[in-house]
Amino acid sequence: MIEVKNLTKRYGQHIALNNISFNVEEGEILGFLGPNGAGKTTTMNIMTGYIASTEGEVKIGGIDIVDEPEKAKALIGYLPETPPVYGDMRVDEYLHFVAAIKKVKRSQRKQMLNEIKSAVHIEDMSRRLVKNLSKGYRQRVGLAQAMVGYPRLIVLDEPTVGLDPKQIIEMRDVIRRLGKKHTIILSSHIMQEVSAVCDRVMIINRGNIVASDTPERLATNLSQGHKMSVRVKGEQEKVLSALESYPLIQEAKATGSREAGTIDLELSGEDNVDIREAIFACMSSNNFPILMMKSLDLSLEEIFLQVTGEGQAS
């Protein structure tokens, strides 16, 4: 659905994007993450035709965004971080205005807009002036305009900004449903949101893509065995005492017992140090049978911090 090839953007001597390439498949929900200034918004603005790249190309559904901008943009719905709504219009007036701009046939507008308003739960706001809506409802109107024309690709930049917890849950449900019919790129500061709705995560830092995979595979690949959950047969004090003689295992914490005569442990070592062999050697030499051992997957927040080296996700 989306092909980005050798994309570069320079602002004078500053390189905002450094020769990045990636694809997004039809029907995929891609979570797009990165610190402030990493290049997320620049990438989305180039993909949607708002700004031009210095080098490289972007194709939407096989159509080059530069060579055939009108055809390519007809396939895109975009909700920027600040919704592009007109405060002096009523909600229905605004959505009909957007439908006209997008060249939706008059005969199809009423049904389409009713379906979209129902999907984002703004039916009761139809006659209200946009400027009199709460920030959360303006965000929903912004999402509705992105959906007008049922574009194949929907790009969402911080779609839950200003929403209360109940509205955030509802918006996530909307995004999941949209993912059944549309390709979606979702940029968000809320890691739980990305984990909850995205098929794949791509992390950009300093203009370079530093990670791209499912959240599950990223967690497995980056954990590298340095933090493990283990269940062994034996007495807690004796097991913990035996672990003290293995310096690779820096921390051992008992977390309870789920089977008679066993102890569950959380064991960790230094980052990027695989402690699995040390655990096996310790338990084997002390005759403590290992009944279960599994990696403790990193959270998406931990993955983000590890691959970007940032102290704060953004």
C-alpha atoms as a PDB file:
ATOM      1  CA  MET A   1       0.000   0.000   0.000  1.00  0.00           C
ATOM      2  CA  ILE A   2       2.814   2.415   0.926  1.00  0.00           C
ATOM      3  CA  GLU A   3       6.327   2.376  -0.482  1.00  0.00           C
ATOM      4  CA  VAL A   4       8.887   4.790   0.951  1.00  0.00           C
ATOM      5  CA  LYS A   5      12.278   4.574  -0.735  1.00  0.00           C
ATOM      6  CA  ASN A   6      15.508   6.412   0.163  1.00  0.00           C
ATOM      7  CA  LEU A   7      13.621   9.321   1.710  1.00  0.00           C
ATOM      8  CA  THR A   8      15.806  12.250   2.768  1.00  0.00           C
ATOM      9  CA  LYS A   9      14.839  15.698   4.048  1.00  0.00           C
ATOM     10  CA  ARG A  10      17.347  18.443   4.758  1.00  0.00           C
ATOM     11  CA  TYR A  11      16.796  21.861   6.294  1.00  0.00           C
ATOM     12  CA  GLY A  12      20.050  23.615   5.500  1.00  0.00           C
ATOM     13  CA  GLN A  13      22.749  21.597   7.257  1.00  0.00           C
ATOM     14  CA  HIS A  14      20.235  19.755   9.426  1.00  0.00           C
ATOM     15  CA  ILE A  15      19.204  16.287   8.199  1.00  0.00           C
ATOM     16  CA  ALA A  16      15.653  15.600   9.402  1.00  0.00           C
ATOM     17  CA  LEU A  17      15.379  12.286   7.512  1.00  0.00           C
ATOM     18  CA  ASN A  18      18.400  10.257   6.539  1.00  0.00           C
ATOM     19  CA  ASN A  19      17.740   7.990   3.535  1.00  0.00           C
ATOM     20  CA  ILE A  20      14.940   5.935   5.138  1.00  0.00           C
ATOM     21  CA  SER A  21      13.004   3.188   3.364  1.00  0.00           C
ATOM     22  CA  PHE A  22      10.013   1.116   4.487  1.00  0.00           C
ATOM     23  CA  ASN A  23       6.781  -0.467   3.244  1.00  0.00           C
ATOM     24  CA  VAL A  24       3.330  -0.657   4.818  1.00  0.00           C
ATOM     25  CA  GLU A  25       1.097  -3.489   3.665  1.00  0.00           C
ATOM     26  CA  GLU A  26      -2.574  -3.203   2.745  1.00  0.00           C
ATOM     27  CA  GLY A  27      -4.752  -3.448   5.864  1.00  0.00           C
ATOM     28  CA  GLU A  28      -1.841  -3.061   8.283  1.00  0.00           C
ATOM     29  CA  ILE A  29      -1.990  -0.822  11.363  1.00  0.00           C
ATOM     30  CA  LEU A  30       1.490   0.634  11.821  1.00  0.00           C
ATOM     31  CA  GLY A  31       2.505   2.371  15.031  1.00  0.00           C
ATOM     32  CA  PHE A  32       4.998   5.152  14.274  1.00  0.00           C
ATOM     33  CA  LEU A  33       7.065   6.216  17.292  1.00  0.00           C
ATOM     34  CA  GLY A  34       9.994   8.488  17.999  1.00  0.00           C
ATOM     35  CA  PRO A  35      11.249  11.252  20.313  1.00  0.00           C
ATOM     36  CA  ASN A  36      10.405  14.876  19.590  1.00  0.00           C
ATOM     37  CA  GLY A  37      12.410  16.016  16.574  1.00  0.00           C
ATOM     38  CA  ALA A  38      13.097  12.434  15.435  1.00  0.00           C
ATOM     39  CA  GLY A  39      11.422  12.915  12.035  1.00  0.00           C
ATOM     40  CA  LYS A  40       7.935  11.438  12.598  1.00  0.00           C
ATOM     41  CA  THR A  41       5.929  14.481  11.579  1.00  0.00           C
ATOM     42  CA  THR A  42       8.304  15.259   8.710  1.00  0.00           C
ATOM     43  CA  THR A  43       7.814  11.740   7.359  1.00  0.00           C
ATOM     44  CA  MET A  44       4.028  11.943   7.624  1.00  0.00           C
ATOM     45  CA  ASN A  45       3.939  15.395   6.023  1.00  0.00           C
ATOM     46  CA  ILE A  46       5.975  14.139   3.066  1.00  0.00           C
ATOM     47  CA  MET A  47       3.837  11.005   2.740  1.00  0.00           C
ATOM     48  CA  THR A  48       0.647  13.048   2.657  1.00  0.00           C
ATOM     49  CA  GLY A  49       2.022  15.635   0.248  1.00  0.00           C
ATOM     50  CA  TYR A  50       2.154  18.564   2.681  1.00  0.00           C
ATOM     51  CA  ILE A  51       5.866  19.110   2.126  1.00  0.00           C
ATOM     52  CA  ALA A  52       8.396  17.879  -0.446  1.00  0.00           C
ATOM     53  CA  SER A  53      11.335  15.623   0.250  1.00  0.00           C
ATOM     54  CA  THR A  54      14.903  16.550  -0.650  1.00  0.00           C
ATOM     55  CA  GLU A  55      15.500  13.102  -2.129  1.00  0.00           C
ATOM     56  CA  GLY A  56      13.651   9.800  -2.438  1.00  0.00           C
ATOM     57  CA  GLU A  57      10.122   8.816  -3.346  1.00  0.00           C
ATOM     58  CA  VAL A  58       6.800   7.919  -1.769  1.00  0.00           C
ATOM     59  CA  LYS A  59       4.154   5.841  -3.501  1.00  0.00           C
ATOM     60  CA  ILE A  60       0.607   5.407  -2.190  1.00  0.00           C
ATOM     61  CA  GLY A  61      -1.127   2.469  -3.803  1.00  0.00           C
ATOM     62  CA  GLY A  62       1.538   2.504  -6.495  1.00  0.00           C
ATOM     63  CA  ILE A  63       0.992   6.229  -7.248  1.00  0.00           C
ATOM     64  CA  ASP A  64       3.897   8.639  -6.764  1.00  0.00           C
ATOM     65  CA  ILE A  65       2.927  11.470  -4.397  1.00  0.00           C
ATOM     66  CA  VAL A  66       5.015  13.954  -6.429  1.00  0.00           C
ATOM     67  CA  ASP A  67       4.243  12.858  -9.990  1.00  0.00           C
ATOM     68  CA  GLU A  68       0.483  12.397  -9.481  1.00  0.00           C
ATOM     69  CA  PRO A  69      -0.354  14.270  -6.259  1.00  0.00           C
ATOM     70  CA  GLU A  70      -4.110  14.538  -6.817  1.00  0.00           C
ATOM     71  CA  LYS A  71      -4.528  10.807  -7.447  1.00  0.00           C
ATOM     72  CA  ALA A  72      -2.286   9.867  -4.535  1.00  0.00           C
ATOM     73  CA  LYS A  73      -3.961  12.262  -2.087  1.00  0.00           C
ATOM     74  CA  ALA A  74      -7.372  10.885  -3.023  1.00  0.00           C
ATOM     75  CA  LEU A  75      -6.259   7.670  -1.320  1.00  0.00           C
ATOM     76  CA  ILE A  76      -5.269   9.413   1.928  1.00  0.00           C
ATOM     77  CA  GLY A  77      -7.161  10.631   4.964  1.00  0.00           C
ATOM     78  CA  TYR A  78      -5.050  12.661   7.398  1.00  0.00           C
ATOM     79  CA  LEU A  79      -5.672  13.758  10.960  1.00  0.00           C
ATOM     80  CA  PRO A  80      -2.806  16.028  12.068  1.00  0.00           C
ATOM     81  CA  GLU A  81      -2.120  16.640  15.745  1.00  0.00           C
ATOM     82  CA  THR A  82      -4.174  19.848  15.580  1.00  0.00           C
ATOM     83  CA  PRO A  83      -7.484  18.949  13.866  1.00  0.00           C
ATOM     84  CA  PRO A  84      -8.074  21.044  10.703  1.00  0.00           C
ATOM     85  CA  VAL A  85     -11.612  22.109  11.632  1.00  0.00           C
ATOM     86  CA  TYR A  86     -13.440  25.393  11.046  1.00  0.00           C
ATOM     87  CA  GLY A  87     -14.886  26.711  14.283  1.00  0.00           C
ATOM     88  CA  ASP A  88     -17.622  28.855  12.711  1.00  0.00           C
ATOM     89  CA  MET A  89     -19.179  25.925  10.848  1.00  0.00           C
ATOM     90  CA  ARG A  90     -21.634  23.466  12.287  1.00  0.00           C
ATOM     91  CA  VAL A  91     -20.404  19.865  12.337  1.00  0.00           C
ATOM     92  CA  ASP A  92     -22.663  18.798   9.475  1.00  0.00           C
ATOM     93  CA  GLU A  93     -21.731  21.866   7.424  1.00  0.00           C
ATOM     94  CA  TYR A  94     -18.053  21.167   7.913  1.00  0.00           C
ATOM     95  CA  LEU A  95     -18.285  17.487   6.985  1.00  0.00           C
ATOM     96  CA  HIS A  96     -20.358  18.275   3.863  1.00  0.00           C
ATOM     97  CA  PHE A  97     -17.724  20.892   2.971  1.00  0.00           C
ATOM     98  CA  VAL A  98     -14.972  18.259   3.310  1.00  0.00           C
ATOM     99  CA  ALA A  99     -17.012  15.797   1.239  1.00  0.00           C
ATOM    100  CA  ALA A 100     -17.331  18.389  -1.528  1.00  0.00           C
ATOM    101  CA  ILE A 101     -13.588  19.071  -1.498  1.00  0.00           C
ATOM    102  CA  LYS A 102     -12.927  15.337  -1.717  1.00  0.00           C
ATOM    103  CA  LYS A 103     -15.377  15.110  -4.625  1.00  0.00           C
ATOM    104  CA  VAL A 104     -17.732  12.656  -2.956  1.00  0.00           C
ATOM    105  CA  LYS A 105     -20.865  12.328  -5.096  1.00  0.00           C
ATOM    106  CA  ARG A 106     -23.835  14.251  -3.685  1.00  0.00           C
ATOM    107  CA  SER A 107     -25.991  11.133  -3.817  1.00  0.00           C
ATOM    108  CA  GLN A 108     -23.533   9.332  -1.514  1.00  0.00           C
ATOM    109  CA  ARG A 109     -22.749  12.069   0.997  1.00  0.00           C
ATOM    110  CA  LYS A 110     -25.654  11.773   3.413  1.00  0.00           C
ATOM    111  CA  GLN A 111     -25.305   8.037   3.995  1.00  0.00           C
ATOM    112  CA  MET A 112     -21.517   8.209   4.154  1.00  0.00           C
ATOM    113  CA  LEU A 113     -21.475  11.054   6.677  1.00  0.00           C
ATOM    114  CA  ASN A 114     -24.119   9.379   8.828  1.00  0.00           C
ATOM    115  CA  GLU A 115     -22.007   6.208   8.927  1.00  0.00           C
ATOM    116  CA  ILE A 116     -18.862   8.171   9.791  1.00  0.00           C
ATOM    117  CA  LYS A 117     -20.567  10.211  12.518  1.00  0.00           C
ATOM    118  CA  SER A 118     -21.911   7.002  14.034  1.00  0.00           C
ATOM    119  CA  ALA A 119     -18.445   5.408  13.933  1.00  0.00           C
ATOM    120  CA  VAL A 120     -16.848   8.254  15.914  1.00  0.00           C
ATOM    121  CA  HIS A 121     -19.936   8.915  18.072  1.00  0.00           C
ATOM    122  CA  ILE A 122     -20.710  12.506  17.128  1.00  0.00           C
ATOM    123  CA  GLU A 123     -24.293  12.050  15.877  1.00  0.00           C
ATOM    124  CA  ASP A 124     -25.638  14.306  18.652  1.00  0.00           C
ATOM    125  CA  MET A 125     -23.191  17.078  17.700  1.00  0.00           C
ATOM    126  CA  SER A 126     -24.432  17.516  14.106  1.00  0.00           C
ATOM    127  CA  ARG A 127     -26.022  20.944  14.670  1.00  0.00           C
ATOM    128  CA  ARG A 128     -23.383  22.283  17.066  1.00  0.00           C
ATOM    129  CA  LEU A 129     -20.812  24.880  16.061  1.00  0.00           C
ATOM    130  CA  VAL A 130     -17.377  23.290  15.988  1.00  0.00           C
ATOM    131  CA  LYS A 131     -15.900  26.101  18.129  1.00  0.00           C
ATOM    132  CA  ASN A 132     -18.377  25.270  20.915  1.00  0.00           C
ATOM    133  CA  LEU A 133     -17.299  21.635  21.113  1.00  0.00           C
ATOM    134  CA  SER A 134     -14.922  20.303  23.738  1.00  0.00           C
ATOM    135  CA  LYS A 135     -11.384  19.508  22.656  1.00  0.00           C
ATOM    136  CA  GLY A 136     -12.223  15.815  22.650  1.00  0.00           C
ATOM    137  CA  TYR A 137     -15.202  16.255  20.338  1.00  0.00           C
ATOM    138  CA  ARG A 138     -13.190  18.489  18.005  1.00  0.00           C
ATOM    139  CA  GLN A 139     -10.696  15.631  17.823  1.00  0.00           C
ATOM    140  CA  ARG A 140     -13.509  13.291  16.815  1.00  0.00           C
ATOM    141  CA  VAL A 141     -14.687  15.700  14.132  1.00  0.00           C
ATOM    142  CA  GLY A 142     -11.110  15.795  12.873  1.00  0.00           C
ATOM    143  CA  LEU A 143     -11.085  11.988  12.654  1.00  0.00           C
ATOM    144  CA  ALA A 144     -14.422  12.085  10.850  1.00  0.00           C
ATOM    145  CA  GLN A 145     -13.017  14.413   8.158  1.00  0.00           C
ATOM    146  CA  ALA A 146     -10.083  12.020   7.669  1.00  0.00           C
ATOM    147  CA  MET A 147     -12.563   9.206   7.036  1.00  0.00           C
ATOM    148  CA  VAL A 148     -14.643  11.111   4.461  1.00  0.00           C
ATOM    149  CA  GLY A 149     -14.389   9.442   1.079  1.00  0.00           C
ATOM    150  CA  TYR A 150     -13.338   6.158   2.714  1.00  0.00           C
ATOM    151  CA  PRO A 151      -9.647   6.533   1.775  1.00  0.00           C
ATOM    152  CA  ARG A 152      -7.489   3.418   1.591  1.00  0.00           C
ATOM    153  CA  LEU A 153      -4.865   4.992   3.878  1.00  0.00           C
ATOM    154  CA  ILE A 154      -5.616   6.890   7.086  1.00  0.00           C
ATOM    155  CA  VAL A 155      -2.771   8.720   8.847  1.00  0.00           C
ATOM    156  CA  LEU A 156      -3.451   9.622  12.485  1.00  0.00           C
ATOM    157  CA  ASP A 157      -1.124  11.927  14.427  1.00  0.00           C
ATOM    158  CA  GLU A 158      -1.938  11.768  18.164  1.00  0.00           C
ATOM    159  CA  PRO A 159      -5.634  10.903  17.634  1.00  0.00           C
ATOM    160  CA  THR A 160      -6.507  10.636  21.345  1.00  0.00           C
ATOM    161  CA  VAL A 161      -5.105  13.997  22.467  1.00  0.00           C
ATOM    162  CA  GLY A 162      -7.672  15.703  24.707  1.00  0.00           C
ATOM    163  CA  LEU A 163      -9.877  12.648  25.203  1.00  0.00           C
ATOM    164  CA  ASP A 164     -10.892  11.325  28.604  1.00  0.00           C
ATOM    165  CA  PRO A 165     -10.150   7.646  29.478  1.00  0.00           C
ATOM    166  CA  LYS A 166     -13.574   6.419  28.307  1.00  0.00           C
ATOM    167  CA  GLN A 167     -13.240   8.312  25.027  1.00  0.00           C
ATOM    168  CA  ILE A 168      -9.709   6.933  24.532  1.00  0.00           C
ATOM    169  CA  ILE A 169     -11.037   3.369  24.800  1.00  0.00           C
ATOM    170  CA  GLU A 170     -13.817   4.209  22.323  1.00  0.00           C
ATOM    171  CA  MET A 171     -11.292   5.762  19.919  1.00  0.00           C
ATOM    172  CA  ARG A 172      -9.102   2.672  20.091  1.00  0.00           C
ATOM    173  CA  ASP A 173     -12.124   0.574  19.159  1.00  0.00           C
ATOM    174  CA  VAL A 174     -12.792   2.895  16.223  1.00  0.00           C
ATOM    175  CA  ILE A 175      -9.182   2.548  15.046  1.00  0.00           C
ATOM    176  CA  ARG A 176      -9.350  -1.253  15.309  1.00  0.00           C
ATOM    177  CA  ARG A 177     -12.529  -1.290  13.222  1.00  0.00           C
ATOM    178  CA  LEU A 178     -10.981   1.068  10.685  1.00  0.00           C
ATOM    179  CA  GLY A 179      -8.041  -1.321  10.419  1.00  0.00           C
ATOM    180  CA  LYS A 180     -10.351  -3.970   8.964  1.00  0.00           C
ATOM    181  CA  LYS A 181     -11.033  -1.790   5.915  1.00  0.00           C
ATOM    182  CA  HIS A 182      -8.146   0.678   5.779  1.00  0.00           C
ATOM    183  CA  THR A 183      -4.372   0.823   6.085  1.00  0.00           C
ATOM    184  CA  ILE A 184      -3.541   2.981   9.123  1.00  0.00           C
ATOM    185  CA  ILE A 185      -0.435   4.786  10.317  1.00  0.00           C
ATOM    186  CA  LEU A 186      -0.786   5.811  13.951  1.00  0.00           C
ATOM    187  CA  SER A 187       1.641   8.188  15.646  1.00  0.00           C
ATOM    188  CA  SER A 188       1.139   8.431  19.392  1.00  0.00           C
ATOM    189  CA  HIS A 189       2.945   9.334  22.615  1.00  0.00           C
ATOM    190  CA  ILE A 190       0.813   6.758  24.456  1.00  0.00           C
ATOM    191  CA  MET A 191       2.647   3.444  24.321  1.00  0.00           C
ATOM    192  CA  GLN A 192      -0.289   1.416  25.638  1.00  0.00           C
ATOM    193  CA  GLU A 193      -2.350   2.767  22.773  1.00  0.00           C
ATOM    194  CA  VAL A 194       0.171   1.584  20.190  1.00  0.00           C
ATOM    195  CA  SER A 195       0.485  -1.834  21.859  1.00  0.00           C
ATOM    196  CA  ALA A 196      -3.290  -2.209  21.975  1.00  0.00           C
ATOM    197  CA  VAL A 197      -4.108  -1.493  18.339  1.00  0.00           C
ATOM    198  CA  CYS A 198      -1.014  -1.825  16.110  1.00  0.00           C
ATOM    199  CA  ASP A 199       0.129  -4.846  14.114  1.00  0.00           C
ATOM    200  CA  ARG A 200       3.670  -3.490  13.778  1.00  0.00           C
ATOM    201  CA  VAL A 201       5.777  -0.786  15.412  1.00  0.00           C
ATOM    202  CA  MET A 202       8.363   1.372  13.655  1.00  0.00           C
ATOM    203  CA  ILE A 203      10.639   3.591  15.745  1.00  0.00           C
ATOM    204  CA  ILE A 204      12.525   6.515  14.231  1.00  0.00           C
ATOM    205  CA  ASN A 205      15.342   8.393  15.959  1.00  0.00           C
ATOM    206  CA  ARG A 206      17.466  11.262  14.604  1.00  0.00           C
ATOM    207  CA  GLY A 207      16.094  10.725  11.124  1.00  0.00           C
ATOM    208  CA  ASN A 208      16.867   6.984  11.020  1.00  0.00           C
ATOM    209  CA  ILE A 209      14.626   3.959  11.479  1.00  0.00           C
ATOM    210  CA  VAL A 210      16.085   2.132  14.488  1.00  0.00           C
ATOM    211  CA  ALA A 211      13.476  -0.640  14.921  1.00  0.00           C
ATOM    212  CA  SER A 212      10.627  -2.157  12.938  1.00  0.00           C
ATOM    213  CA  ASP A 213       8.715  -5.306  13.908  1.00  0.00           C
ATOM    214  CA  THR A 214       5.735  -6.530  15.883  1.00  0.00           C
ATOM    215  CA  PRO A 215       5.808  -5.448  19.548  1.00  0.00           C
ATOM    216  CA  GLU A 216       6.123  -9.105  20.536  1.00  0.00           C
ATOM    217  CA  ARG A 217       9.139  -9.833  18.324  1.00  0.00           C
ATOM    218  CA  LEU A 218      10.845  -6.590  19.324  1.00  0.00           C
ATOM    219  CA  ALA A 219      10.474  -7.563  22.960  1.00  0.00           C
ATOM    220  CA  THR A 220      11.870 -11.054  22.349  1.00  0.00           C
ATOM    221  CA  ASN A 221      14.794  -9.869  20.228  1.00  0.00           C
ATOM    222  CA  LEU A 222      15.808  -7.043  22.544  1.00  0.00           C
ATOM    223  CA  SER A 223      15.372  -8.884  25.836  1.00  0.00           C
ATOM    224  CA  GLN A 224      18.318 -11.174  24.934  1.00  0.00           C
ATOM    225  CA  GLY A 225      17.872 -13.352  28.001  1.00  0.00           C
ATOM    226  CA  HIS A 226      18.986 -10.791  30.593  1.00  0.00           C
ATOM    227  CA  LYS A 227      15.714 -10.921  32.526  1.00  0.00           C
ATOM    228  CA  MET A 228      14.051 -14.274  33.154  1.00  0.00           C
ATOM    229  CA  SER A 229      11.126 -15.785  35.011  1.00  0.00           C
ATOM    230  CA  VAL A 230      12.020 -19.186  36.481  1.00  0.00           C
ATOM    231  CA  ARG A 231      10.183 -21.872  38.455  1.00  0.00           C
ATOM    232  CA  VAL A 232      12.368 -24.386  40.275  1.00  0.00           C
ATOM    233  CA  LYS A 233      11.750 -27.248  42.671  1.00  0.00           C
ATOM    234  CA  GLY A 234      13.389 -26.500  45.981  1.00  0.00           C
ATOM    235  CA  GLU A 235      13.306 -24.424  49.159  1.00  0.00           C
ATOM    236  CA  GLN A 236      13.355 -20.650  48.682  1.00  0.00           C
ATOM    237  CA  GLU A 237      16.280 -19.892  51.033  1.00  0.00           C
ATOM    238  CA  LYS A 238      18.495 -22.623  49.564  1.00  0.00           C
ATOM    239  CA  VAL A 239      17.739 -21.605  45.962  1.00  0.00           C
ATOM    240  CA  LEU A 240      18.456 -17.916  46.627  1.00  0.00           C
ATOM    241  CA  SER A 241      21.653 -18.819  48.509  1.00  0.00           C
ATOM    242  CA  ALA A 242      22.876 -20.906  45.564  1.00  0.00           C
ATOM    243  CA  LEU A 243      22.233 -18.038  43.126  1.00  0.00           C
ATOM    244  CA  GLU A 244      24.459 -15.702  45.153  1.00  0.00           C
ATOM    245  CA  SER A 245      27.567 -17.566  43.947  1.00  0.00           C
ATOM    246  CA  TYR A 246      26.810 -16.719  40.289  1.00  0.00           C
ATOM    247  CA  PRO A 247      27.882 -13.094  39.639  1.00  0.00           C
ATOM    248  CA  LEU A 248      26.226 -12.978  36.200  1.00  0.00           C
ATOM    249  CA  ILE A 249      22.892 -13.129  38.026  1.00  0.00           C
ATOM    250  CA  GLN A 250      22.805  -9.683  39.601  1.00  0.00           C
ATOM    251  CA  GLU A 251      19.324  -9.734  41.081  1.00  0.00           C
ATOM    252  CA  ALA A 252      17.136 -12.587  42.284  1.00  0.00           C
ATOM    253  CA  LYS A 253      13.635 -11.957  43.551  1.00  0.00           C
ATOM    254  CA  ALA A 254      11.192 -14.578  44.819  1.00  0.00           C
ATOM    255  CA  THR A 255       7.666 -13.967  43.523  1.00  0.00           C
ATOM    256  CA  GLY A 256       5.762 -16.742  45.281  1.00  0.00           C
ATOM    257  CA  SER A 257       4.910 -20.402  44.822  1.00  0.00           C
ATOM    258  CA  ARG A 258       2.292 -21.677  42.385  1.00  0.00           C
ATOM    259  CA  GLU A 259       3.060 -25.373  42.821  1.00  0.00           C
ATOM    260  CA  ALA A 260       3.772 -27.320  45.984  1.00  0.00           C
ATOM    261  CA  GLY A 261       7.483 -27.549  46.753  1.00  0.00           C
ATOM    262  CA  THR A 262       8.477 -24.948  44.152  1.00  0.00           C
ATOM    263  CA  ILE A 263       9.546 -21.328  44.086  1.00  0.00           C
ATOM    264  CA  ASP A 264       8.995 -18.762  41.323  1.00  0.00           C
ATOM    265  CA  LEU A 265      11.823 -16.297  40.706  1.00  0.00           C
ATOM    266  CA  GLU A 266      12.556 -13.207  38.659  1.00  0.00           C
ATOM    267  CA  LEU A 267      16.253 -13.171  37.765  1.00  0.00           C
ATOM    268  CA  SER A 268      18.158 -10.452  35.951  1.00  0.00           C
ATOM    269  CA  GLY A 269      21.677  -9.608  34.827  1.00  0.00           C
ATOM    270  CA  GLU A 270      23.346  -6.728  33.044  1.00  0.00           C
ATOM    271  CA  ASP A 271      21.761  -5.426  29.843  1.00  0.00           C
ATOM    272  CA  ASN A 272      22.658  -7.562  26.815  1.00  0.00           C
ATOM    273  CA  VAL A 273      24.085 -10.341  29.029  1.00  0.00           C
ATOM    274  CA  ASP A 274      22.344 -13.698  28.546  1.00  0.00           C
ATOM    275  CA  ILE A 275      21.931 -15.321  31.956  1.00  0.00           C
ATOM    276  CA  ARG A 276      20.164 -18.495  30.833  1.00  0.00           C
ATOM    277  CA  GLU A 277      23.281 -20.721  30.925  1.00  0.00           C
ATOM    278  CA  ALA A 278      24.217 -19.395  34.367  1.00  0.00           C
ATOM    279  CA  ILE A 279      20.725 -20.204  35.654  1.00  0.00           C
ATOM    280  CA  PHE A 280      20.907 -23.726  34.241  1.00  0.00           C
ATOM    281  CA  ALA A 281      24.403 -24.316  35.657  1.00  0.00           C
ATOM    282  CA  CYS A 282      23.372 -23.094  39.099  1.00  0.00           C
ATOM    283  CA  MET A 283      20.231 -25.198  39.305  1.00  0.00           C
ATOM    284  CA  SER A 284      21.886 -28.288  37.847  1.00  0.00           C
ATOM    285  CA  SER A 285      24.879 -28.230  40.216  1.00  0.00           C
ATOM    286  CA  ASN A 286      22.577 -27.797  43.213  1.00  0.00           C
ATOM    287  CA  ASN A 287      19.986 -30.388  42.133  1.00  0.00           C
ATOM    288  CA  PHE A 288      17.144 -27.906  41.784  1.00  0.00           C
ATOM    289  CA  PRO A 289      15.012 -29.085  38.824  1.00  0.00           C
ATOM    290  CA  ILE A 290      13.923 -26.246  36.503  1.00  0.00           C
ATOM    291  CA  LEU A 291      10.208 -26.631  35.815  1.00  0.00           C
ATOM    292  CA  MET A 292       9.761 -23.412  33.811  1.00  0.00           C
ATOM    293  CA  MET A 293      12.012 -20.690  32.395  1.00  0.00           C
ATOM    294  CA  LYS A 294      10.932 -17.866  30.116  1.00  0.00           C
ATOM    295  CA  SER A 295      12.124 -14.433  29.081  1.00  0.00           C
ATOM    296  CA  LEU A 296      10.396 -11.451  30.654  1.00  0.00           C
ATOM    297  CA  ASP A 297       9.496  -9.410  27.593  1.00  0.00           C
ATOM    298  CA  LEU A 298      10.338  -5.742  27.581  1.00  0.00           C
ATOM    299  CA  SER A 299       7.412  -3.352  27.592  1.00  0.00           C
ATOM    300  CA  LEU A 300       7.022  -1.062  24.603  1.00  0.00           C
ATOM    301  CA  GLU A 301       8.226   1.816  26.787  1.00  0.00           C
ATOM    302  CA  GLU A 302      11.416  -0.108  27.626  1.00  0.00           C
ATOM    303  CA  ILE A 303      11.932  -1.004  23.959  1.00  0.00           C
ATOM    304  CA  PHE A 304      11.508   2.646  22.993  1.00  0.00           C
ATOM    305  CA  LEU A 305      14.033   3.822  25.580  1.00  0.00           C
ATOM    306  CA  GLN A 306      16.517   1.097  24.657  1.00  0.00           C
ATOM    307  CA  VAL A 307      16.568   1.741  20.895  1.00  0.00           C
ATOM    308  CA  THR A 308      16.476   5.543  21.116  1.00  0.00           C
ATOM    309  CA  GLY A 309      18.636   6.053  24.200  1.00  0.00           C
ATOM    310  CA  GLU A 310      16.065   8.594  25.410  1.00  0.00           C
ATOM    311  CA  GLY A 311      15.248   9.198  29.027  1.00  0.00           C
ATOM    312  CA  GLN A 312      11.635  10.073  28.213  1.00  0.00           C
ATOM    313  CA  ALA A 313       9.327   8.656  25.535  1.00  0.00           C
ATOM    314  CA  SER A 314       7.713  11.253  23.307  1.00  0.00           C
END
